[in-house]
């Protein structure tokens, strides 16, 4: 995971079990994860100290929302 140190990473599926663990691993490796999250998704699995500015709300089926989220990440 050293290759992610000091890098911005956009994570889809971050609110799921595997995605939440990936976010933890990326943060431990020194990465700056940005999370693409559906509005209706529960964020209960995400770290409580995660910067809310890194949570980007979008629907993967809406290309405008995805492009906007990628531009912010």
C-alpha atoms as a PDB file:
ATOM      1  CA  UNK A   1       0.000   0.000   0.000  1.00  0.00           C
ATOM      2  CA  UNK A   2       3.043   2.287   0.069  1.00  0.00           C
ATOM      3  CA  UNK A   3       2.259   3.345  -3.501  1.00  0.00           C
ATOM      4  CA  UNK A   4      -0.796   5.234  -2.152  1.00  0.00           C
ATOM      5  CA  UNK A   5       1.151   7.343   0.333  1.00  0.00           C
ATOM      6  CA  UNK A   6       0.463  11.066  -0.171  1.00  0.00           C
ATOM      7  CA  UNK A   7      -2.013  10.332  -2.989  1.00  0.00           C
ATOM      8  CA  UNK A   8      -5.642  11.214  -3.450  1.00  0.00           C
ATOM      9  CA  UNK A   9      -7.800   8.137  -4.031  1.00  0.00           C
ATOM     10  CA  UNK A  10     -11.462   8.085  -5.044  1.00  0.00           C
ATOM     11  CA  UNK A  11     -13.239   5.106  -3.455  1.00  0.00           C
ATOM     12  CA  UNK A  12     -16.624   3.862  -4.633  1.00  0.00           C
ATOM     13  CA  UNK A  13     -18.515   1.459  -2.399  1.00  0.00           C
ATOM     14  CA  UNK A  14     -16.848   2.931   0.694  1.00  0.00           C
ATOM     15  CA  UNK A  15     -19.946   2.475   2.859  1.00  0.00           C
ATOM     16  CA  UNK A  16     -19.918  -1.296   2.390  1.00  0.00           C
ATOM     17  CA  UNK A  17     -17.951  -3.770   4.478  1.00  0.00           C
ATOM     18  CA  UNK A  18     -15.042  -4.177   2.060  1.00  0.00           C
ATOM     19  CA  UNK A  19     -14.997  -0.496   1.074  1.00  0.00           C
ATOM     20  CA  UNK A  20     -14.900   0.696   4.690  1.00  0.00           C
ATOM     21  CA  UNK A  21     -11.916  -1.554   5.384  1.00  0.00           C
ATOM     22  CA  UNK A  22     -10.226  -0.275   2.237  1.00  0.00           C
ATOM     23  CA  UNK A  23     -10.684   3.304   3.466  1.00  0.00           C
ATOM     24  CA  UNK A  24      -9.036   2.349   6.772  1.00  0.00           C
ATOM     25  CA  UNK A  25      -6.091   0.720   4.971  1.00  0.00           C
ATOM     26  CA  UNK A  26      -5.641   3.651   2.615  1.00  0.00           C
ATOM     27  CA  UNK A  27      -5.614   6.110   5.503  1.00  0.00           C
ATOM     28  CA  UNK A  28      -3.087   3.954   7.379  1.00  0.00           C
ATOM     29  CA  UNK A  29      -0.893   3.974   4.253  1.00  0.00           C
ATOM     30  CA  UNK A  30      -0.930   7.779   4.172  1.00  0.00           C
ATOM     31  CA  UNK A  31      -3.414   8.193   1.323  1.00  0.00           C
ATOM     32  CA  UNK A  32      -6.140  10.832   1.167  1.00  0.00           C
ATOM     33  CA  UNK A  33      -9.284   8.866   0.333  1.00  0.00           C
ATOM     34  CA  UNK A  34     -12.314  10.636  -1.117  1.00  0.00           C
ATOM     35  CA  UNK A  35     -15.497   8.614  -0.883  1.00  0.00           C
ATOM     36  CA  UNK A  36     -18.185   8.471  -3.544  1.00  0.00           C
ATOM     37  CA  UNK A  37     -21.364   7.812  -1.560  1.00  0.00           C
ATOM     38  CA  UNK A  38     -25.023   7.438  -2.472  1.00  0.00           C
ATOM     39  CA  UNK A  39     -27.205   9.868  -0.512  1.00  0.00           C
ATOM     40  CA  UNK A  40     -29.290   7.056   0.949  1.00  0.00           C
ATOM     41  CA  UNK A  41     -26.284   4.946   2.031  1.00  0.00           C
ATOM     42  CA  UNK A  42     -25.525   4.478   5.716  1.00  0.00           C
ATOM     43  CA  UNK A  43     -22.144   5.836   6.799  1.00  0.00           C
ATOM     44  CA  UNK A  44     -22.116   3.796  10.029  1.00  0.00           C
ATOM     45  CA  UNK A  45     -19.116   1.689   8.934  1.00  0.00           C
ATOM     46  CA  UNK A  46     -16.954   4.698   8.107  1.00  0.00           C
ATOM     47  CA  UNK A  47     -14.379   6.085  10.542  1.00  0.00           C
ATOM     48  CA  UNK A  48     -15.948   8.689  12.827  1.00  0.00           C
ATOM     49  CA  UNK A  49     -12.983  11.040  12.419  1.00  0.00           C
ATOM     50  CA  UNK A  50     -13.190  11.091   8.613  1.00  0.00           C
ATOM     51  CA  UNK A  51     -13.246  14.602   7.158  1.00  0.00           C
ATOM     52  CA  UNK A  52     -16.815  15.186   5.944  1.00  0.00           C
ATOM     53  CA  UNK A  53     -15.434  17.208   2.999  1.00  0.00           C
ATOM     54  CA  UNK A  54     -14.078  13.930   1.634  1.00  0.00           C
ATOM     55  CA  UNK A  55     -17.547  12.418   1.395  1.00  0.00           C
ATOM     56  CA  UNK A  56     -18.783  13.115  -2.110  1.00  0.00           C
ATOM     57  CA  UNK A  57     -22.434  12.306  -2.697  1.00  0.00           C
ATOM     58  CA  UNK A  58     -23.311  11.041  -6.151  1.00  0.00           C
ATOM     59  CA  UNK A  59     -25.204   8.343  -8.000  1.00  0.00           C
ATOM     60  CA  UNK A  60     -22.926   6.320 -10.295  1.00  0.00           C
ATOM     61  CA  UNK A  61     -25.745   6.235 -12.859  1.00  0.00           C
ATOM     62  CA  UNK A  62     -25.684  10.048 -13.157  1.00  0.00           C
ATOM     63  CA  UNK A  63     -22.643  11.078 -15.183  1.00  0.00           C
ATOM     64  CA  UNK A  64     -22.969  14.764 -14.190  1.00  0.00           C
ATOM     65  CA  UNK A  65     -22.855  13.880 -10.500  1.00  0.00           C
ATOM     66  CA  UNK A  66     -19.874  11.579 -11.002  1.00  0.00           C
ATOM     67  CA  UNK A  67     -17.946  14.183 -13.020  1.00  0.00           C
ATOM     68  CA  UNK A  68     -18.610  16.760 -10.319  1.00  0.00           C
ATOM     69  CA  UNK A  69     -17.408  14.391  -7.587  1.00  0.00           C
ATOM     70  CA  UNK A  70     -14.247  13.500  -9.516  1.00  0.00           C
ATOM     71  CA  UNK A  71     -13.495  17.187 -10.026  1.00  0.00           C
ATOM     72  CA  UNK A  72     -13.745  17.767  -6.246  1.00  0.00           C
ATOM     73  CA  UNK A  73     -11.576  14.767  -5.333  1.00  0.00           C
END
